[in-house]
Protein backbone atom coordinates (compact mmCIF):
# COMPACT_ATOMS: atom_id res chain seq x y z
CA MET A 1 0.00 0.00 0.00
CA LEU A 2 2.79 2.41 0.94
CA LEU A 3 4.83 1.52 -2.12
CA ALA A 4 1.96 1.96 -4.55
CA GLY A 5 0.82 5.24 -3.01
CA THR A 6 -2.39 6.91 -4.14
CA ARG A 7 -2.59 4.83 -7.31
CA LEU A 8 -3.97 1.91 -5.26
CA ARG A 9 -6.19 3.62 -2.75
CA PHE A 10 -8.47 0.60 -2.48
CA LEU A 11 -5.68 -1.25 -0.68
CA ARG A 12 -6.17 0.92 2.40
CA TRP A 13 -9.70 -0.38 2.64
CA ALA A 14 -8.67 -3.93 1.75
CA MET A 15 -5.79 -4.13 4.23
CA GLY A 16 -7.85 -2.52 6.99
CA THR A 17 -10.73 -4.91 6.40
CA LEU A 18 -8.33 -7.87 6.40
CA ALA A 19 -6.83 -6.81 9.73
CA VAL A 20 -10.28 -6.35 11.30
CA LEU A 21 -11.54 -9.73 10.08
CA ILE A 22 -8.47 -11.58 11.35
CA SER A 23 -8.72 -9.82 14.71
CA LEU A 24 -12.42 -10.63 15.04
CA ALA A 25 -11.79 -14.26 14.09
CA VAL A 26 -9.06 -14.64 16.72
CA LEU A 27 -11.21 -12.91 19.35
CA LEU A 28 -14.21 -15.10 18.59
CA TRP A 29 -11.98 -18.16 18.65
CA ALA A 30 -10.58 -17.21 22.03
CA ILE A 31 -14.02 -16.43 23.51
CA LEU A 32 -15.46 -19.74 22.43
CA GLY A 33 -12.44 -21.46 23.99
CA ASP A 34 -12.94 -24.76 22.21
CA PRO A 35 -9.74 -26.67 21.54
CA ILE A 36 -9.21 -27.00 17.82
CA THR A 37 -6.91 -29.46 16.13
CA LEU A 38 -5.18 -28.37 12.95
CA GLY A 39 -4.69 -31.86 11.56
CA LEU A 40 -1.25 -32.39 13.07
CA GLY A 41 -2.34 -33.39 16.56
CA VAL A 42 -1.60 -29.89 17.87
CA ASN A 43 -4.07 -28.57 20.43
CA THR A 44 -4.44 -24.86 19.80
CA SER A 45 -6.29 -23.78 22.92
CA GLY A 46 -4.81 -20.69 24.47
CA LEU A 47 -4.65 -17.09 23.27
CA PRO A 48 -0.92 -17.16 22.27
CA LEU A 49 -1.64 -20.02 19.95
CA TYR A 50 -4.67 -18.20 18.56
CA ALA A 51 -2.45 -15.27 17.72
CA ALA A 52 0.09 -17.63 16.14
CA VAL A 53 -2.55 -19.20 13.94
CA ALA A 54 -3.83 -15.77 12.98
CA THR A 55 -0.29 -14.97 11.90
CA PHE A 56 -0.36 -18.16 9.86
CA TRP A 57 -3.47 -16.93 8.06
CA GLY A 58 -2.38 -13.34 7.76
CA ARG A 59 1.20 -13.85 6.61
CA PRO A 60 0.52 -15.46 3.20
CA ILE A 61 -2.41 -13.15 2.54
CA LEU A 62 -0.15 -10.20 3.30
CA MET A 63 2.50 -11.60 0.95
CA VAL A 64 -0.05 -11.99 -1.85
CA VAL A 65 -1.56 -8.53 -1.33
CA LEU A 66 1.85 -6.86 -1.20
CA GLY A 67 2.91 -8.86 -4.23
CA ILE A 68 -0.06 -7.50 -6.15
CA THR A 69 0.80 -4.02 -4.92
CA LEU A 70 4.39 -4.35 -6.08
CA PHE A 71 3.16 -5.65 -9.44
CA LYS A 72 0.96 -2.57 -9.82
CA ALA A 73 3.92 -0.42 -8.83
CA GLY A 74 5.98 -1.81 -11.69
CA CYS A 75 8.23 -4.37 -9.93
CA ARG A 76 6.85 -7.36 -11.77
CA PHE A 77 9.44 -10.07 -11.21
CA PRO A 78 9.79 -9.74 -7.41
CA ALA A 79 6.03 -9.30 -7.18
CA SER A 80 5.31 -12.46 -9.14
CA VAL A 81 7.61 -14.58 -7.00
CA LEU A 82 6.20 -13.03 -3.83
CA VAL A 83 2.64 -13.86 -4.89
CA ALA A 84 3.66 -17.42 -5.77
CA LEU A 85 5.37 -17.99 -2.41
CA GLY A 86 2.46 -16.44 -0.56
CA ALA A 87 0.02 -18.65 -2.44
CA LEU A 88 1.93 -21.76 -1.34
CA GLU A 89 1.32 -20.76 2.28
CA LEU A 90 -2.37 -19.93 1.91
CA PRO A 91 -4.45 -21.95 4.39
CA LEU A 92 -6.39 -23.76 1.69
CA VAL A 93 -3.25 -24.93 -0.09
CA TYR A 94 -1.56 -25.68 3.21
CA SER A 95 -4.44 -27.76 4.58
CA LEU A 96 -4.69 -29.80 1.38
CA THR A 97 -0.99 -30.67 1.24
CA LEU A 98 1.01 -30.66 4.45
CA PRO A 99 -1.30 -32.39 6.97
CA THR A 100 -2.02 -35.29 4.62
CA MET A 101 1.54 -35.75 3.42
CA VAL A 102 3.22 -35.31 6.79
CA GLY A 103 0.63 -37.49 8.49
CA ARG A 104 1.37 -40.22 5.99
CA ASN A 105 5.16 -40.31 5.78
CA HIS A 106 6.41 -37.75 8.32
CA SER A 107 8.73 -36.32 5.69
CA GLU A 108 11.37 -34.12 7.30
CA TRP A 109 12.26 -32.44 4.06
CA LEU A 110 8.65 -31.44 3.56
CA LEU A 111 8.55 -29.88 7.02
CA LEU A 112 11.78 -28.09 6.19
CA LEU A 113 10.33 -26.85 2.92
CA ILE A 114 6.85 -25.76 4.00
CA GLY A 115 7.30 -25.46 7.76
CA PHE A 116 5.04 -26.29 10.65
CA TYR A 117 2.14 -23.84 10.30
CA ALA A 118 2.72 -20.63 12.23
CA PHE A 119 4.96 -22.22 14.81
CA ARG A 120 7.98 -22.92 12.65
CA PRO A 121 8.33 -21.26 9.25
CA GLY A 122 9.82 -23.27 6.42
CA LEU A 123 12.05 -22.36 3.52
CA VAL A 124 9.07 -21.10 1.53
CA SER A 125 8.16 -18.64 4.25
CA ALA A 126 11.77 -17.62 4.81
CA ALA A 127 12.23 -17.05 1.09
CA GLY A 128 8.99 -15.09 0.95
CA TRP A 129 9.94 -12.72 3.75
CA SER A 130 13.47 -12.31 2.36
CA LEU A 131 12.02 -11.52 -1.04
CA LEU A 132 9.57 -9.11 0.56
CA GLY A 133 12.44 -7.14 2.07
CA PHE A 134 14.31 -7.19 -1.23
CA ALA A 135 11.20 -6.13 -3.15
CA ILE A 136 10.56 -3.24 -0.76
CA LEU A 137 14.14 -2.07 -1.19
CA VAL A 138 14.13 -2.38 -4.97
CA SER A 139 10.64 -1.01 -5.47
CA GLY A 140 11.32 1.81 -3.05
CA ARG A 141 14.26 2.90 -5.16
CA GLU A 142 12.26 2.43 -8.34
CA LEU A 143 9.37 4.47 -7.00
CA ASP A 144 11.76 7.19 -5.86
CA ARG A 145 13.14 7.26 -9.38
CA LYS A 146 9.63 7.40 -10.83
CA ARG A 147 8.61 10.16 -8.44
CA LEU A 148 11.68 12.17 -9.43
CA GLU A 149 10.90 11.54 -13.08
CA VAL A 150 7.30 12.66 -12.62
CA LYS A 151 8.49 15.72 -10.72
CA ARG A 152 10.99 16.51 -13.45
CA ARG A 153 8.38 16.15 -16.20
CA THR A 154 5.94 18.27 -14.23
CA GLU A 155 8.52 21.02 -13.79
CA GLU A 156 9.39 20.86 -17.48
CA GLU A 157 5.73 21.14 -18.44
CA GLU A 158 5.28 24.09 -16.08
CA ASN A 159 8.38 25.83 -17.45
CA GLN A 160 7.13 25.25 -20.97
CA ARG A 161 3.78 26.74 -20.02
CA ARG A 162 5.50 29.78 -18.52
CA ALA A 163 7.65 30.25 -21.61
CA ARG A 164 4.56 30.05 -23.80
CA ARG A 165 2.86 32.73 -21.72
CA LEU A 166 5.96 34.90 -22.00
CA TYR A 167 5.89 34.88 -25.78
CA GLU A 168 2.17 34.74 -26.47
CA GLU A 169 0.85 37.01 -23.73
CA VAL A 170 3.74 39.39 -23.04
CA TRP A 171 5.31 39.76 -26.48
CA GLY A 172 2.33 38.75 -28.61
CA ALA A 173 -0.42 40.53 -26.68
CA GLY A 174 1.72 43.17 -24.95
CA ASP A 175 0.54 42.32 -21.41
CA LEU A 176 3.37 43.78 -19.32
CA THR A 177 1.59 43.04 -16.04
CA LEU A 178 2.78 39.43 -16.31
CA VAL A 179 6.47 40.37 -16.23
CA ASP A 180 6.66 40.36 -12.43
CA GLU A 181 4.95 36.97 -12.30
CA LEU A 182 7.12 35.27 -14.93
CA LEU A 183 10.55 36.88 -14.45
CA ALA A 184 12.93 36.71 -11.50
CA GLU A 185 14.42 39.90 -10.12
CA GLU A 186 17.89 38.75 -11.21
CA PHE A 187 16.70 38.14 -14.79
CA VAL A 188 19.33 38.52 -17.53
CA ASP A 189 18.54 39.13 -21.21
CA TYR A 190 21.69 38.07 -23.04
CA GLU A 191 20.19 39.02 -26.39
CA HIS A 192 20.19 42.73 -25.59
CA ASP A 193 22.61 42.68 -22.63
CA ARG A 194 19.89 43.90 -20.31
CA TYR A 195 19.15 43.05 -16.69
CA GLY A 196 16.01 42.98 -14.58
CA ARG A 197 12.30 43.17 -15.18
CA GLU A 198 12.17 46.84 -16.16
CA GLU A 199 14.72 46.31 -18.91
CA PHE A 200 12.65 43.43 -20.25
CA ARG A 201 9.59 45.69 -20.30
CA LYS A 202 11.62 48.15 -22.40
CA THR A 203 12.56 45.39 -24.84
CA THR A 204 8.93 44.34 -25.17
CA SER A 205 7.76 47.95 -25.64
CA GLU A 206 10.39 48.54 -28.32
CA LEU A 207 9.37 45.42 -30.21
CA ARG A 208 5.71 46.37 -30.20
CA ARG A 209 6.49 50.00 -31.06
CA THR A 210 8.39 48.79 -34.13
CA PHE A 211 5.58 46.39 -35.09
CA PRO A 212 2.31 47.75 -33.59
CA ASP A 213 0.29 45.06 -35.36
CA LEU A 214 2.64 42.29 -34.26
CA ASN A 215 1.36 38.72 -34.52
CA LEU A 216 3.32 35.94 -32.84
CA SER A 217 2.89 32.19 -33.09
CA ILE A 218 4.96 29.45 -31.49
CA GLU A 219 6.11 26.98 -34.13
CA GLU A 220 7.97 24.60 -31.85
CA GLN A 221 8.77 24.34 -28.16
CA THR A 222 10.70 21.75 -26.16
CA ALA A 223 11.68 21.54 -22.51
CA GLU A 224 14.62 19.76 -20.94
CA GLY A 225 15.41 20.17 -17.27
CA ASP A 226 15.17 23.84 -16.33
CA THR A 227 15.57 25.03 -19.95
CA VAL A 228 12.93 25.67 -22.60
CA ALA A 229 13.74 26.10 -26.30
CA THR A 230 11.20 28.05 -28.36
CA ARG A 231 10.97 28.77 -32.06
CA CYS A 232 8.62 31.64 -32.90
CA SER A 233 7.19 33.17 -36.04
CA PHE A 234 6.58 36.94 -36.09
CA SER A 235 4.61 38.99 -38.57
CA GLY A 236 3.83 42.68 -38.66
CA THR A 237 4.32 46.03 -40.33
CA ASP A 238 7.49 48.05 -39.75
CA ARG A 239 6.10 51.31 -38.30
CA GLY A 240 8.84 52.22 -35.83
CA GLY A 241 12.06 51.33 -37.57
CA VAL A 242 14.34 48.34 -37.06
CA LEU A 243 17.67 48.98 -35.32
CA TRP A 244 18.77 52.49 -36.35
CA TYR A 245 16.92 52.46 -39.69
CA PRO A 246 13.85 54.60 -40.34
CA PRO A 247 10.45 52.94 -40.69
CA THR A 248 9.84 51.26 -44.02
CA GLY A 249 6.11 50.58 -43.74
CA ARG A 250 6.63 47.09 -45.11
CA ALA A 251 4.86 43.97 -43.87
CA VAL A 252 7.26 41.19 -42.98
CA THR A 253 7.29 37.69 -41.56
CA PHE A 254 10.39 36.53 -39.71
CA GLY A 255 11.45 33.92 -37.21
CA GLY A 256 13.16 33.83 -33.85
CA THR A 257 14.77 31.11 -31.77
CA TYR A 258 15.16 31.41 -28.00
CA THR A 259 16.44 29.44 -25.05
CA ASP A 260 15.13 30.32 -21.60
CA ARG A 261 16.28 28.98 -18.23
CA PHE A 262 13.96 28.90 -15.24
CA SER A 263 14.70 28.69 -11.54
CA ASP A 264 12.09 28.46 -8.77
CA ALA A 265 9.29 28.95 -11.31
CA ARG A 266 10.77 32.22 -12.61
CA LEU A 267 12.68 33.06 -15.79
CA VAL A 268 16.31 33.90 -14.98
CA GLU A 269 18.13 33.72 -18.34
CA HIS A 270 17.04 34.59 -21.87
CA HIS A 271 19.20 33.67 -24.91
CA GLY A 272 18.78 33.85 -28.67
CA GLY A 273 16.95 36.25 -30.92
CA ILE A 274 15.27 36.92 -34.27
CA ASP A 275 16.83 36.20 -37.65
CA MET A 276 17.98 39.75 -38.24
CA LYS A 277 19.59 39.00 -41.60
CA ASP A 278 16.33 37.68 -43.03
CA LEU A 279 14.38 40.57 -41.54
CA LEU A 280 16.66 43.23 -43.06
CA GLU A 281 16.53 41.51 -46.44
CA GLN A 282 12.73 41.61 -46.40
CA LEU A 283 12.83 45.28 -45.45
CA ASP A 284 15.39 45.89 -48.23
CA LEU A 285 17.84 47.31 -45.72
CA PRO A 286 21.65 46.83 -45.67
CA PRO A 287 23.11 44.15 -43.36
CA ALA A 288 23.79 45.12 -39.77
CA GLY A 289 27.49 44.16 -39.72
CA ASP A 290 28.63 40.65 -38.90
CA ASN A 291 25.95 40.08 -36.27
CA ASP A 292 22.98 38.59 -38.12
CA ARG A 293 20.92 37.88 -35.05
CA GLY A 294 19.22 40.43 -32.88
């Protein structure tokens, strides 16, 4: 139940019910006080023996239930063996095999293999409990790895969502109120060599002043760790002038590629830029030196 977590919530009810039923059975057995023979000539009157027999019933059931849990948690091989060993100790199987066989030939190796009910565990029981410990160790590590993987994927998805909001809502729609929510105070824009939220607001304002009718669409976006890579497509009319050039009034479509790094749910580093060479060619403007990206 603990290993499977919330994915197997029904086990809380199942395990609790099992514990209550076993406890009630032992209590009823003790109250009635009738000596009961298990088929081996063993008189089981007395509360300690009742508890021992309850352990006999509960142990294999616990092994089977935990085996199923481990199977659901992804540890299939240890779970399968655990279920098999638990099934060999189930009361029905036990009562149909050991009492008859031992009563007939008193086989010592059979006692060694299967044990003597709850009073002396056999190799099957020992192997089952040893495997249980191993399965808990292995599955615990596996579940830790899965939890870390889920956490990592969740953080990547959240970072990707934040990056999408940055481009679509801040740049595309011009909503500067989101800057404080999405950017860290120590934010660095390596594209324009600017620092902080206010400088990013200036960059956004300049972009939208140059292209007042700016349309932005995200063509591709991938996340890995704390970094999100985004490829955007921009379109608009040059009304404010690109770089130091005067406005051309021409409609253009150009692309941009960016890499953003997030920390504690805030953007801290911004790299990349638009394809300045392609943009200037569309505007019929001379190249801006050796730096073709802006």
